[in-house]
Amino acid sequence: MDDFLRGLPKAELHVHIEGTLEPELMFAMARRNGVPLRFGDVEEARRAYRFRDLQSFLDIYYEGAGVLRAEKDFFELTAAYLERAASEGVRHAEVFFDPQTHTARGVAFETVVRGIHRALADGEGRFGLTSKLILCFLRHLPEREAARTLEEALPFRDWIHGVGLDSSEVGNPPSKFSTVFARAREAGFLPVAHAGEEGPPEYIREALEKLKVLRIDHGVRCAEDPALVRELAAARIPLTVCPLSNVRLGVFPALARHNLKELLDQGLCVTVNSDDPAYFGGYIAENYRAVAGALGLSRQDIVQLAKNSFEASFLPSEQKRRWMDAVDAFAASNA
């Protein structure tokens, strides 16, 4: 089963590139850039990855991102993720980045996006792994700062495919960003948003109605609103679920209590993703492996999740169909 899960063609649609910063690379960049860290060594850093909730994670996440200073850093970070993802069957990745995390420290927007873009282009050549880049606005900051970031992104429109919304969810509803999302849609960016992770189901509705998002990142709390579940299923609105992340941040007390299988059985377009794998103990194959075991997923369930990942992607329809057929062919040849 492990070989099957790793080899199964899949797309990853919910991964924060800053969240792939492994401690070893963090320390190497800190030394190179002269950035002090409060951790004495790699093991001490890993021991600190015990989170009570989303905010306790974000505090360490933003601290770790502070070592990223030069274009080379963003290139190396992204290249390391792509190599790992390709080895775990990822054939297409839609990658989040948080420019405000870096521009607030004086790192130029262009420095960030050039490093990531170069690595994504290189990854397609090296691994045949296609990708799209999604700029996330930090929802704990004012909308005017998101608007400023959008203006910085416009010259790089050919490199950035969509916009998203992340960071502290509770108390920062999607409607707070209605104006900047409208402007982003006018500029041709495809919208997505984190909603229904720690925030209530109402945030999912707001993201759909106010931001006009095409998919919901996380979305697991939709289960608290049966009518919303039916609407999401009927419209095939994708949910980019991150199982290990949900448990590490206390959204579910244990993986066996996760509702992914229930949502899948109700006909939702659920996908499996890694979120911030360096901090949450698993890249995409480990997330598949963990939910398969904890929730008793059948091989058919796993195949459906992989097919959903391509259906939910922003790939052209023809490429989606080709990859979904490839998933079926892989499953048939590994029956």
C-alpha atoms as a PDB file:
ATOM      1  CA  MET A   1       0.000   0.000   0.000  1.00  0.00           C
ATOM      2  CA  ASP A   2       2.847   2.405   0.764  1.00  0.00           C
ATOM      3  CA  ASP A   3       4.285   2.049  -2.755  1.00  0.00           C
ATOM      4  CA  PHE A   4       0.780   2.469  -4.182  1.00  0.00           C
ATOM      5  CA  LEU A   5       0.177   5.676  -2.211  1.00  0.00           C
ATOM      6  CA  ARG A   6       3.521   7.179  -3.181  1.00  0.00           C
ATOM      7  CA  GLY A   7       3.264   6.257  -6.844  1.00  0.00           C
ATOM      8  CA  LEU A   8      -0.367   7.256  -7.308  1.00  0.00           C
ATOM      9  CA  PRO A   9      -0.488  10.397  -9.507  1.00  0.00           C
ATOM     10  CA  LYS A  10      -1.871  13.289  -7.494  1.00  0.00           C
ATOM     11  CA  ALA A  11      -2.093  17.059  -7.345  1.00  0.00           C
ATOM     12  CA  GLU A  12      -1.321  19.083  -4.237  1.00  0.00           C
ATOM     13  CA  LEU A  13      -3.507  22.155  -3.929  1.00  0.00           C
ATOM     14  CA  HIS A  14      -2.884  23.349  -0.382  1.00  0.00           C
ATOM     15  CA  VAL A  15       0.755  23.779   0.557  1.00  0.00           C
ATOM     16  CA  HIS A  16       2.360  26.941   1.928  1.00  0.00           C
ATOM     17  CA  ILE A  17       5.876  27.166   0.568  1.00  0.00           C
ATOM     18  CA  GLU A  18       7.090  28.839   3.770  1.00  0.00           C
ATOM     19  CA  GLY A  19       5.633  25.865   5.638  1.00  0.00           C
ATOM     20  CA  THR A  20       7.985  23.473   3.852  1.00  0.00           C
ATOM     21  CA  LEU A  21      11.027  25.036   5.544  1.00  0.00           C
ATOM     22  CA  GLU A  22      12.673  22.076   7.259  1.00  0.00           C
ATOM     23  CA  PRO A  23      14.757  22.909  10.358  1.00  0.00           C
ATOM     24  CA  GLU A  24      17.989  21.825   8.666  1.00  0.00           C
ATOM     25  CA  LEU A  25      17.454  24.300   5.844  1.00  0.00           C
ATOM     26  CA  MET A  26      16.279  26.968   8.281  1.00  0.00           C
ATOM     27  CA  PHE A  27      19.541  26.710  10.233  1.00  0.00           C
ATOM     28  CA  ALA A  28      21.627  26.731   7.049  1.00  0.00           C
ATOM     29  CA  MET A  29      19.930  29.899   5.818  1.00  0.00           C
ATOM     30  CA  ALA A  30      20.143  31.517   9.247  1.00  0.00           C
ATOM     31  CA  ARG A  31      23.915  30.995   9.251  1.00  0.00           C
ATOM     32  CA  ARG A  32      24.266  32.245   5.689  1.00  0.00           C
ATOM     33  CA  ASN A  33      22.164  35.342   6.302  1.00  0.00           C
ATOM     34  CA  GLY A  34      23.321  36.098   9.841  1.00  0.00           C
ATOM     35  CA  VAL A  35      19.856  35.661  11.333  1.00  0.00           C
ATOM     36  CA  PRO A  36      19.772  34.656  15.024  1.00  0.00           C
ATOM     37  CA  LEU A  37      17.428  31.832  16.030  1.00  0.00           C
ATOM     38  CA  ARG A  38      16.123  31.139  19.516  1.00  0.00           C
ATOM     39  CA  PHE A  39      16.564  27.408  18.965  1.00  0.00           C
ATOM     40  CA  GLY A  40      19.932  25.925  19.848  1.00  0.00           C
ATOM     41  CA  ASP A  41      19.800  23.198  17.224  1.00  0.00           C
ATOM     42  CA  VAL A  42      17.550  21.276  14.837  1.00  0.00           C
ATOM     43  CA  GLU A  43      16.222  18.941  17.516  1.00  0.00           C
ATOM     44  CA  GLU A  44      15.277  21.796  19.803  1.00  0.00           C
ATOM     45  CA  ALA A  45      13.404  23.387  16.916  1.00  0.00           C
ATOM     46  CA  ARG A  46      11.521  20.166  16.225  1.00  0.00           C
ATOM     47  CA  ARG A  47      10.594  19.840  19.896  1.00  0.00           C
ATOM     48  CA  ALA A  48       9.016  23.304  19.705  1.00  0.00           C
ATOM     49  CA  TYR A  49       6.605  22.082  17.035  1.00  0.00           C
ATOM     50  CA  ARG A  50       3.922  21.265  19.591  1.00  0.00           C
ATOM     51  CA  PHE A  51       0.991  23.517  18.903  1.00  0.00           C
ATOM     52  CA  ARG A  52      -2.134  24.286  20.918  1.00  0.00           C
ATOM     53  CA  ASP A  53      -3.975  25.942  18.063  1.00  0.00           C
ATOM     54  CA  LEU A  54      -3.499  27.834  14.812  1.00  0.00           C
ATOM     55  CA  GLN A  55      -2.031  30.937  16.457  1.00  0.00           C
ATOM     56  CA  SER A  56       0.618  29.020  18.416  1.00  0.00           C
ATOM     57  CA  PHE A  57       1.746  27.514  15.109  1.00  0.00           C
ATOM     58  CA  LEU A  58       1.727  30.850  13.286  1.00  0.00           C
ATOM     59  CA  ASP A  59       4.014  32.401  15.888  1.00  0.00           C
ATOM     60  CA  ILE A  60       6.750  29.857  15.083  1.00  0.00           C
ATOM     61  CA  TYR A  61       5.926  29.807  11.358  1.00  0.00           C
ATOM     62  CA  TYR A  62       6.551  33.550  11.011  1.00  0.00           C
ATOM     63  CA  GLU A  63       9.732  33.312  13.080  1.00  0.00           C
ATOM     64  CA  GLY A  64      11.090  30.567  10.845  1.00  0.00           C
ATOM     65  CA  ALA A  65      10.272  32.547   7.707  1.00  0.00           C
ATOM     66  CA  GLY A  66      12.555  35.299   8.998  1.00  0.00           C
ATOM     67  CA  VAL A  67      15.625  33.455   7.673  1.00  0.00           C
ATOM     68  CA  LEU A  68      14.386  33.910   4.084  1.00  0.00           C
ATOM     69  CA  ARG A  69      16.142  37.016   2.803  1.00  0.00           C
ATOM     70  CA  ALA A  70      17.515  36.559  -0.721  1.00  0.00           C
ATOM     71  CA  GLU A  71      16.173  35.274  -4.038  1.00  0.00           C
ATOM     72  CA  LYS A  72      18.457  32.255  -3.608  1.00  0.00           C
ATOM     73  CA  ASP A  73      16.686  31.380  -0.343  1.00  0.00           C
ATOM     74  CA  PHE A  74      13.251  31.303  -1.957  1.00  0.00           C
ATOM     75  CA  PHE A  75      14.622  29.291  -4.865  1.00  0.00           C
ATOM     76  CA  GLU A  76      16.222  26.685  -2.594  1.00  0.00           C
ATOM     77  CA  LEU A  77      13.127  26.444  -0.394  1.00  0.00           C
ATOM     78  CA  THR A  78      10.843  25.835  -3.366  1.00  0.00           C
ATOM     79  CA  ALA A  79      13.253  23.464  -5.101  1.00  0.00           C
ATOM     80  CA  ALA A  80      13.485  21.315  -1.966  1.00  0.00           C
ATOM     81  CA  TYR A  81       9.700  21.045  -1.754  1.00  0.00           C
ATOM     82  CA  LEU A  82       9.332  20.134  -5.428  1.00  0.00           C
ATOM     83  CA  GLU A  83      11.941  17.374  -5.200  1.00  0.00           C
ATOM     84  CA  ARG A  84      10.142  15.877  -2.198  1.00  0.00           C
ATOM     85  CA  ALA A  85       6.705  16.253  -3.792  1.00  0.00           C
ATOM     86  CA  ALA A  86       7.791  14.648  -7.052  1.00  0.00           C
ATOM     87  CA  SER A  87       9.144  11.646  -5.137  1.00  0.00           C
ATOM     88  CA  GLU A  88       5.692  11.222  -3.561  1.00  0.00           C
ATOM     89  CA  GLY A  89       3.677  11.160  -6.766  1.00  0.00           C
ATOM     90  CA  VAL A  90       2.759  14.827  -7.067  1.00  0.00           C
ATOM     91  CA  ARG A  91       2.392  15.652 -10.748  1.00  0.00           C
ATOM     92  CA  HIS A  92       0.906  19.134 -10.326  1.00  0.00           C
ATOM     93  CA  ALA A  93       1.182  21.578  -7.401  1.00  0.00           C
ATOM     94  CA  GLU A  94      -0.637  24.814  -6.690  1.00  0.00           C
ATOM     95  CA  VAL A  95       1.606  26.549  -4.210  1.00  0.00           C
ATOM     96  CA  PHE A  96       0.734  29.308  -1.736  1.00  0.00           C
ATOM     97  CA  PHE A  97       3.157  32.050  -0.771  1.00  0.00           C
ATOM     98  CA  ASP A  98       2.810  34.866   1.778  1.00  0.00           C
ATOM     99  CA  PRO A  99       4.564  37.950   0.410  1.00  0.00           C
ATOM    100  CA  GLN A 100       3.463  40.178   3.308  1.00  0.00           C
ATOM    101  CA  THR A 101       5.437  37.967   5.695  1.00  0.00           C
ATOM    102  CA  HIS A 102       8.575  39.033   3.824  1.00  0.00           C
ATOM    103  CA  THR A 103       7.877  42.568   2.616  1.00  0.00           C
ATOM    104  CA  ALA A 104       7.145  43.557   6.234  1.00  0.00           C
ATOM    105  CA  ARG A 105      10.804  42.639   6.951  1.00  0.00           C
ATOM    106  CA  GLY A 106      12.108  44.726   4.076  1.00  0.00           C
ATOM    107  CA  VAL A 107      12.424  41.898   1.533  1.00  0.00           C
ATOM    108  CA  ALA A 108      11.275  43.109  -1.872  1.00  0.00           C
ATOM    109  CA  PHE A 109       8.209  41.465  -3.408  1.00  0.00           C
ATOM    110  CA  GLU A 110      10.229  40.871  -6.579  1.00  0.00           C
ATOM    111  CA  THR A 111      12.910  39.002  -4.623  1.00  0.00           C
ATOM    112  CA  VAL A 112      10.316  36.605  -3.221  1.00  0.00           C
ATOM    113  CA  VAL A 113       8.418  35.908  -6.408  1.00  0.00           C
ATOM    114  CA  ARG A 114      11.487  35.607  -8.653  1.00  0.00           C
ATOM    115  CA  GLY A 115      13.062  32.973  -6.435  1.00  0.00           C
ATOM    116  CA  ILE A 116       9.887  30.899  -6.221  1.00  0.00           C
ATOM    117  CA  HIS A 117       9.102  31.266  -9.922  1.00  0.00           C
ATOM    118  CA  ARG A 118      12.579  30.179 -11.006  1.00  0.00           C
ATOM    119  CA  ALA A 119      12.312  27.045  -8.897  1.00  0.00           C
ATOM    120  CA  LEU A 120       8.830  26.219 -10.209  1.00  0.00           C
ATOM    121  CA  ALA A 121      10.023  26.572 -13.792  1.00  0.00           C
ATOM    122  CA  ASP A 122      13.096  24.483 -13.028  1.00  0.00           C
ATOM    123  CA  GLY A 123      10.951  21.834 -11.335  1.00  0.00           C
ATOM    124  CA  GLU A 124       8.846  21.336 -14.423  1.00  0.00           C
ATOM    125  CA  GLY A 125      11.968  20.687 -16.443  1.00  0.00           C
ATOM    126  CA  ARG A 126      13.566  18.379 -13.851  1.00  0.00           C
ATOM    127  CA  PHE A 127      10.554  16.417 -12.664  1.00  0.00           C
ATOM    128  CA  GLY A 128       7.780  17.084 -15.170  1.00  0.00           C
ATOM    129  CA  LEU A 129       5.856  18.589 -12.256  1.00  0.00           C
ATOM    130  CA  THR A 130       3.618  21.426 -13.405  1.00  0.00           C
ATOM    131  CA  SER A 131       2.636  24.175 -11.007  1.00  0.00           C
ATOM    132  CA  LYS A 132       0.699  27.348 -10.380  1.00  0.00           C
ATOM    133  CA  LEU A 133       1.468  30.038  -7.818  1.00  0.00           C
ATOM    134  CA  ILE A 134      -1.159  31.519  -5.493  1.00  0.00           C
ATOM    135  CA  LEU A 135      -0.557  34.708  -3.525  1.00  0.00           C
ATOM    136  CA  CYS A 136      -2.153  34.668  -0.073  1.00  0.00           C
ATOM    137  CA  PHE A 137      -3.220  37.788   1.802  1.00  0.00           C
ATOM    138  CA  LEU A 138      -2.671  37.713   5.570  1.00  0.00           C
ATOM    139  CA  ARG A 139      -6.130  38.063   7.052  1.00  0.00           C
ATOM    140  CA  HIS A 140      -4.961  39.372  10.456  1.00  0.00           C
ATOM    141  CA  LEU A 141      -3.700  42.521   8.692  1.00  0.00           C
ATOM    142  CA  PRO A 142      -5.928  45.336   7.367  1.00  0.00           C
ATOM    143  CA  GLU A 143      -7.425  45.038   3.896  1.00  0.00           C
ATOM    144  CA  ARG A 144      -5.530  48.145   2.784  1.00  0.00           C
ATOM    145  CA  GLU A 145      -2.271  46.218   3.214  1.00  0.00           C
ATOM    146  CA  ALA A 146      -3.647  43.386   1.083  1.00  0.00           C
ATOM    147  CA  ALA A 147      -4.565  45.975  -1.554  1.00  0.00           C
ATOM    148  CA  ARG A 148      -0.997  47.288  -1.517  1.00  0.00           C
ATOM    149  CA  THR A 149       0.308  43.743  -1.953  1.00  0.00           C
ATOM    150  CA  LEU A 150      -2.042  43.177  -4.883  1.00  0.00           C
ATOM    151  CA  GLU A 151      -0.626  46.246  -6.592  1.00  0.00           C
ATOM    152  CA  GLU A 152       2.880  44.859  -6.102  1.00  0.00           C
ATOM    153  CA  ALA A 153       1.753  41.588  -7.687  1.00  0.00           C
ATOM    154  CA  LEU A 154       0.297  43.075 -10.872  1.00  0.00           C
ATOM    155  CA  PRO A 155       3.637  43.352 -12.747  1.00  0.00           C
ATOM    156  CA  PHE A 156       4.090  39.613 -12.163  1.00  0.00           C
ATOM    157  CA  ARG A 157       0.630  38.635 -13.361  1.00  0.00           C
ATOM    158  CA  ASP A 158       2.071  36.044 -15.755  1.00  0.00           C
ATOM    159  CA  TRP A 159       3.710  34.220 -12.831  1.00  0.00           C
ATOM    160  CA  ILE A 160       0.883  34.353 -10.272  1.00  0.00           C
ATOM    161  CA  HIS A 161      -2.293  32.430 -11.054  1.00  0.00           C
ATOM    162  CA  GLY A 162      -4.543  33.132  -8.097  1.00  0.00           C
ATOM    163  CA  VAL A 163      -5.076  34.848  -4.773  1.00  0.00           C
ATOM    164  CA  GLY A 164      -5.950  33.291  -1.446  1.00  0.00           C
ATOM    165  CA  LEU A 165      -6.534  34.194   2.187  1.00  0.00           C
ATOM    166  CA  ASP A 166      -4.688  32.660   5.145  1.00  0.00           C
ATOM    167  CA  SER A 167      -3.328  33.331   8.655  1.00  0.00           C
ATOM    168  CA  SER A 168      -5.470  33.777  11.805  1.00  0.00           C
ATOM    169  CA  GLU A 169      -9.033  32.868  10.856  1.00  0.00           C
ATOM    170  CA  VAL A 170     -11.109  33.540  13.987  1.00  0.00           C
ATOM    171  CA  GLY A 171     -12.218  37.168  14.079  1.00  0.00           C
ATOM    172  CA  ASN A 172     -11.083  37.810  10.507  1.00  0.00           C
ATOM    173  CA  PRO A 173     -14.030  36.840   8.283  1.00  0.00           C
ATOM    174  CA  PRO A 174     -13.686  36.642   4.508  1.00  0.00           C
ATOM    175  CA  SER A 175     -15.997  39.643   4.077  1.00  0.00           C
ATOM    176  CA  LYS A 176     -13.201  41.815   5.505  1.00  0.00           C
ATOM    177  CA  PHE A 177     -11.448  41.375   2.138  1.00  0.00           C
ATOM    178  CA  SER A 178     -14.358  41.749  -0.287  1.00  0.00           C
ATOM    179  CA  THR A 179     -12.965  44.821  -2.031  1.00  0.00           C
ATOM    180  CA  VAL A 180      -9.434  43.522  -2.648  1.00  0.00           C
ATOM    181  CA  PHE A 181     -10.775  40.184  -3.886  1.00  0.00           C
ATOM    182  CA  ALA A 182     -13.069  41.977  -6.325  1.00  0.00           C
ATOM    183  CA  ARG A 183     -10.069  43.910  -7.620  1.00  0.00           C
ATOM    184  CA  ALA A 184      -8.035  40.705  -7.887  1.00  0.00           C
ATOM    185  CA  ARG A 185     -10.785  38.970  -9.871  1.00  0.00           C
ATOM    186  CA  GLU A 186     -10.962  41.956 -12.224  1.00  0.00           C
ATOM    187  CA  ALA A 187      -7.214  41.599 -12.773  1.00  0.00           C
ATOM    188  CA  GLY A 188      -7.681  37.957 -13.749  1.00  0.00           C
ATOM    189  CA  PHE A 189      -6.561  36.170 -10.584  1.00  0.00           C
ATOM    190  CA  LEU A 190      -8.519  33.071  -9.590  1.00  0.00           C
ATOM    191  CA  PRO A 191      -9.789  33.305  -5.982  1.00  0.00           C
ATOM    192  CA  VAL A 192      -9.570  30.753  -3.169  1.00  0.00           C
ATOM    193  CA  ALA A 193      -9.714  31.216   0.611  1.00  0.00           C
ATOM    194  CA  HIS A 194      -9.061  29.421   3.876  1.00  0.00           C
ATOM    195  CA  ALA A 195     -12.394  29.042   5.657  1.00  0.00           C
ATOM    196  CA  GLY A 196     -14.018  26.633   8.070  1.00  0.00           C
ATOM    197  CA  GLU A 197     -10.803  25.435   9.736  1.00  0.00           C
ATOM    198  CA  GLU A 198     -11.072  27.192  13.098  1.00  0.00           C
ATOM    199  CA  GLY A 199     -13.683  29.624  11.848  1.00  0.00           C
ATOM    200  CA  PRO A 200     -17.390  28.724  11.654  1.00  0.00           C
ATOM    201  CA  PRO A 201     -19.339  27.421   8.625  1.00  0.00           C
ATOM    202  CA  GLU A 202     -20.564  30.980   8.068  1.00  0.00           C
ATOM    203  CA  TYR A 203     -17.047  31.869   6.949  1.00  0.00           C
ATOM    204  CA  ILE A 204     -17.343  29.285   4.170  1.00  0.00           C
ATOM    205  CA  ARG A 205     -20.554  30.911   2.978  1.00  0.00           C
ATOM    206  CA  GLU A 206     -18.935  34.335   3.113  1.00  0.00           C
ATOM    207  CA  ALA A 207     -15.963  33.129   1.087  1.00  0.00           C
ATOM    208  CA  LEU A 208     -18.307  31.774  -1.576  1.00  0.00           C
ATOM    209  CA  GLU A 209     -20.732  34.694  -1.642  1.00  0.00           C
ATOM    210  CA  LYS A 210     -18.512  37.686  -0.847  1.00  0.00           C
ATOM    211  CA  LEU A 211     -15.184  36.633  -2.343  1.00  0.00           C
ATOM    212  CA  LYS A 212     -16.610  34.402  -5.129  1.00  0.00           C
ATOM    213  CA  VAL A 213     -13.986  31.763  -4.437  1.00  0.00           C
ATOM    214  CA  LEU A 214     -13.687  28.712  -6.669  1.00  0.00           C
ATOM    215  CA  ARG A 215     -12.603  26.389  -3.877  1.00  0.00           C
ATOM    216  CA  ILE A 216     -12.376  26.354  -0.093  1.00  0.00           C
ATOM    217  CA  ASP A 217      -9.103  25.665   1.689  1.00  0.00           C
ATOM    218  CA  HIS A 218      -9.787  23.384   4.688  1.00  0.00           C
ATOM    219  CA  GLY A 219     -13.587  23.739   4.946  1.00  0.00           C
ATOM    220  CA  VAL A 220     -14.008  20.815   7.339  1.00  0.00           C
ATOM    221  CA  ARG A 221     -16.419  22.688   9.599  1.00  0.00           C
ATOM    222  CA  CYS A 222     -18.982  22.704   6.807  1.00  0.00           C
ATOM    223  CA  ALA A 223     -20.212  19.486   8.439  1.00  0.00           C
ATOM    224  CA  GLU A 224     -21.868  21.611  11.123  1.00  0.00           C
ATOM    225  CA  ASP A 225     -24.277  22.965   8.491  1.00  0.00           C
ATOM    226  CA  PRO A 226     -25.975  20.102   6.588  1.00  0.00           C
ATOM    227  CA  ALA A 227     -27.530  22.506   4.083  1.00  0.00           C
ATOM    228  CA  LEU A 228     -24.083  23.901   3.291  1.00  0.00           C
ATOM    229  CA  VAL A 229     -22.730  20.383   2.813  1.00  0.00           C
ATOM    230  CA  ARG A 230     -25.473  19.659   0.294  1.00  0.00           C
ATOM    231  CA  GLU A 231     -24.733  22.907  -1.563  1.00  0.00           C
ATOM    232  CA  LEU A 232     -21.007  22.216  -1.700  1.00  0.00           C
ATOM    233  CA  ALA A 233     -21.633  18.702  -2.986  1.00  0.00           C
ATOM    234  CA  ALA A 234     -24.138  19.818  -5.619  1.00  0.00           C
ATOM    235  CA  ALA A 235     -21.824  22.545  -6.933  1.00  0.00           C
ATOM    236  CA  ARG A 236     -18.676  20.373  -6.665  1.00  0.00           C
ATOM    237  CA  ILE A 237     -16.923  23.141  -4.737  1.00  0.00           C
ATOM    238  CA  PRO A 238     -13.576  21.586  -3.789  1.00  0.00           C
ATOM    239  CA  LEU A 239     -12.293  21.392  -0.230  1.00  0.00           C
ATOM    240  CA  THR A 240      -8.508  21.248   0.119  1.00  0.00           C
ATOM    241  CA  VAL A 241      -8.331  19.275   3.355  1.00  0.00           C
ATOM    242  CA  CYS A 242      -5.108  18.879   5.359  1.00  0.00           C
ATOM    243  CA  PRO A 243      -5.608  15.952   7.765  1.00  0.00           C
ATOM    244  CA  LEU A 244      -2.339  15.923   9.729  1.00  0.00           C
ATOM    245  CA  SER A 245      -2.469  19.692  10.062  1.00  0.00           C
ATOM    246  CA  ASN A 246      -6.023  19.524  11.398  1.00  0.00           C
ATOM    247  CA  VAL A 247      -4.969  17.147  14.158  1.00  0.00           C
ATOM    248  CA  ARG A 248      -1.754  18.991  15.057  1.00  0.00           C
ATOM    249  CA  LEU A 249      -3.719  22.245  15.423  1.00  0.00           C
ATOM    250  CA  GLY A 250      -6.535  20.717  17.451  1.00  0.00           C
ATOM    251  CA  VAL A 251      -9.301  20.969  14.854  1.00  0.00           C
ATOM    252  CA  PHE A 252      -9.847  17.239  15.501  1.00  0.00           C
ATOM    253  CA  PRO A 253      -8.671  15.449  18.657  1.00  0.00           C
ATOM    254  CA  ALA A 254      -7.360  12.475  16.684  1.00  0.00           C
ATOM    255  CA  LEU A 255      -7.109  11.425  13.063  1.00  0.00           C
ATOM    256  CA  ALA A 256      -9.658   8.675  13.649  1.00  0.00           C
ATOM    257  CA  ARG A 257     -12.171  11.445  14.450  1.00  0.00           C
ATOM    258  CA  HIS A 258     -11.536  13.354  11.222  1.00  0.00           C
ATOM    259  CA  ASN A 259     -14.569  13.856   8.981  1.00  0.00           C
ATOM    260  CA  LEU A 260     -12.798  13.454   5.626  1.00  0.00           C
ATOM    261  CA  LYS A 261     -14.388  10.052   4.937  1.00  0.00           C
ATOM    262  CA  GLU A 262     -17.844  11.338   5.867  1.00  0.00           C
ATOM    263  CA  LEU A 263     -17.489  14.317   3.537  1.00  0.00           C
ATOM    264  CA  LEU A 264     -16.217  12.085   0.733  1.00  0.00           C
ATOM    265  CA  ASP A 265     -19.160   9.724   1.201  1.00  0.00           C
ATOM    266  CA  GLN A 266     -21.550  12.686   0.986  1.00  0.00           C
ATOM    267  CA  GLY A 267     -20.265  13.459  -2.491  1.00  0.00           C
ATOM    268  CA  LEU A 268     -18.037  16.433  -1.765  1.00  0.00           C
ATOM    269  CA  CYS A 269     -14.960  17.075  -3.901  1.00  0.00           C
ATOM    270  CA  VAL A 270     -12.553  16.487  -1.020  1.00  0.00           C
ATOM    271  CA  THR A 271      -8.793  16.497  -1.602  1.00  0.00           C
ATOM    272  CA  VAL A 272      -5.815  15.575   0.602  1.00  0.00           C
ATOM    273  CA  ASN A 273      -2.929  18.004   1.084  1.00  0.00           C
ATOM    274  CA  SER A 274      -0.031  18.702   3.450  1.00  0.00           C
ATOM    275  CA  ASP A 275      -0.491  22.401   4.379  1.00  0.00           C
ATOM    276  CA  ASP A 276       2.779  23.145   6.261  1.00  0.00           C
ATOM    277  CA  PRO A 277       4.500  19.757   6.197  1.00  0.00           C
ATOM    278  CA  ALA A 278       7.779  20.758   7.842  1.00  0.00           C
ATOM    279  CA  TYR A 279       5.815  21.702  10.959  1.00  0.00           C
ATOM    280  CA  PHE A 280       3.026  19.114  10.918  1.00  0.00           C
ATOM    281  CA  GLY A 281       5.012  15.924  10.478  1.00  0.00           C
ATOM    282  CA  GLY A 282       4.135  14.789   6.995  1.00  0.00           C
ATOM    283  CA  TYR A 283       4.182  15.594   3.301  1.00  0.00           C
ATOM    284  CA  ILE A 284       1.411  14.472   0.994  1.00  0.00           C
ATOM    285  CA  ALA A 285       2.141  10.727   0.914  1.00  0.00           C
ATOM    286  CA  GLU A 286       2.171  10.639   4.716  1.00  0.00           C
ATOM    287  CA  ASN A 287      -1.188  12.422   4.782  1.00  0.00           C
ATOM    288  CA  TYR A 288      -2.657   9.839   2.403  1.00  0.00           C
ATOM    289  CA  ARG A 289      -1.108   7.000   4.396  1.00  0.00           C
ATOM    290  CA  ALA A 290      -2.320   8.363   7.727  1.00  0.00           C
ATOM    291  CA  VAL A 291      -5.942   8.912   6.717  1.00  0.00           C
ATOM    292  CA  ALA A 292      -6.105   5.596   4.861  1.00  0.00           C
ATOM    293  CA  GLY A 293      -5.149   3.805   8.050  1.00  0.00           C
ATOM    294  CA  ALA A 294      -7.039   5.894  10.593  1.00  0.00           C
ATOM    295  CA  LEU A 295     -10.283   6.112   8.612  1.00  0.00           C
ATOM    296  CA  GLY A 296     -10.203   2.703   6.944  1.00  0.00           C
ATOM    297  CA  LEU A 297     -10.264   4.140   3.437  1.00  0.00           C
ATOM    298  CA  SER A 298     -10.752   1.673   0.625  1.00  0.00           C
ATOM    299  CA  ARG A 299      -8.540   1.672  -2.441  1.00  0.00           C
ATOM    300  CA  GLN A 300     -11.512   3.130  -4.313  1.00  0.00           C
ATOM    301  CA  ASP A 301     -11.670   5.993  -1.788  1.00  0.00           C
ATOM    302  CA  ILE A 302      -7.975   6.709  -2.263  1.00  0.00           C
ATOM    303  CA  VAL A 303      -8.285   6.689  -6.029  1.00  0.00           C
ATOM    304  CA  GLN A 304     -11.258   9.064  -5.800  1.00  0.00           C
ATOM    305  CA  LEU A 305      -9.276  11.459  -3.620  1.00  0.00           C
ATOM    306  CA  ALA A 306      -6.466  11.509  -6.186  1.00  0.00           C
ATOM    307  CA  LYS A 307      -8.915  12.084  -9.028  1.00  0.00           C
ATOM    308  CA  ASN A 308     -10.574  14.847  -7.024  1.00  0.00           C
ATOM    309  CA  SER A 309      -7.209  16.574  -6.682  1.00  0.00           C
ATOM    310  CA  PHE A 310      -6.931  16.984 -10.444  1.00  0.00           C
ATOM    311  CA  GLU A 311     -10.621  17.861 -10.856  1.00  0.00           C
ATOM    312  CA  ALA A 312     -10.200  20.605  -8.235  1.00  0.00           C
ATOM    313  CA  SER A 313      -7.029  22.013  -9.792  1.00  0.00           C
ATOM    314  CA  PHE A 314      -6.763  25.049 -12.046  1.00  0.00           C
ATOM    315  CA  LEU A 315      -5.385  22.963 -14.901  1.00  0.00           C
ATOM    316  CA  PRO A 316      -7.156  23.186 -18.284  1.00  0.00           C
ATOM    317  CA  SER A 317     -10.001  20.688 -18.671  1.00  0.00           C
ATOM    318  CA  GLU A 318      -8.104  18.506 -21.126  1.00  0.00           C
ATOM    319  CA  GLN A 319      -5.157  18.135 -18.749  1.00  0.00           C
ATOM    320  CA  LYS A 320      -7.476  17.396 -15.832  1.00  0.00           C
ATOM    321  CA  ARG A 321      -9.095  14.608 -17.802  1.00  0.00           C
ATOM    322  CA  ARG A 322      -5.752  13.192 -18.876  1.00  0.00           C
ATOM    323  CA  TRP A 323      -4.493  13.048 -15.288  1.00  0.00           C
ATOM    324  CA  MET A 324      -7.725  11.558 -13.975  1.00  0.00           C
ATOM    325  CA  ASP A 325      -7.409   8.855 -16.610  1.00  0.00           C
ATOM    326  CA  ALA A 326      -3.798   8.348 -15.512  1.00  0.00           C
ATOM    327  CA  VAL A 327      -4.983   7.784 -11.939  1.00  0.00           C
ATOM    328  CA  ASP A 328      -7.413   5.104 -13.139  1.00  0.00           C
ATOM    329  CA  ALA A 329      -4.725   3.477 -15.277  1.00  0.00           C
ATOM    330  CA  PHE A 330      -2.270   3.438 -12.359  1.00  0.00           C
ATOM    331  CA  ALA A 331      -4.861   1.875 -10.080  1.00  0.00           C
ATOM    332  CA  ALA A 332      -5.756  -0.754 -12.666  1.00  0.00           C
ATOM    333  CA  SER A 333      -2.125  -1.699 -13.238  1.00  0.00           C
ATOM    334  CA  ASN A 334      -1.495  -1.952  -9.493  1.00  0.00           C
ATOM    335  CA  ALA A 335      -4.639  -3.853  -8.540  1.00  0.00           C
END
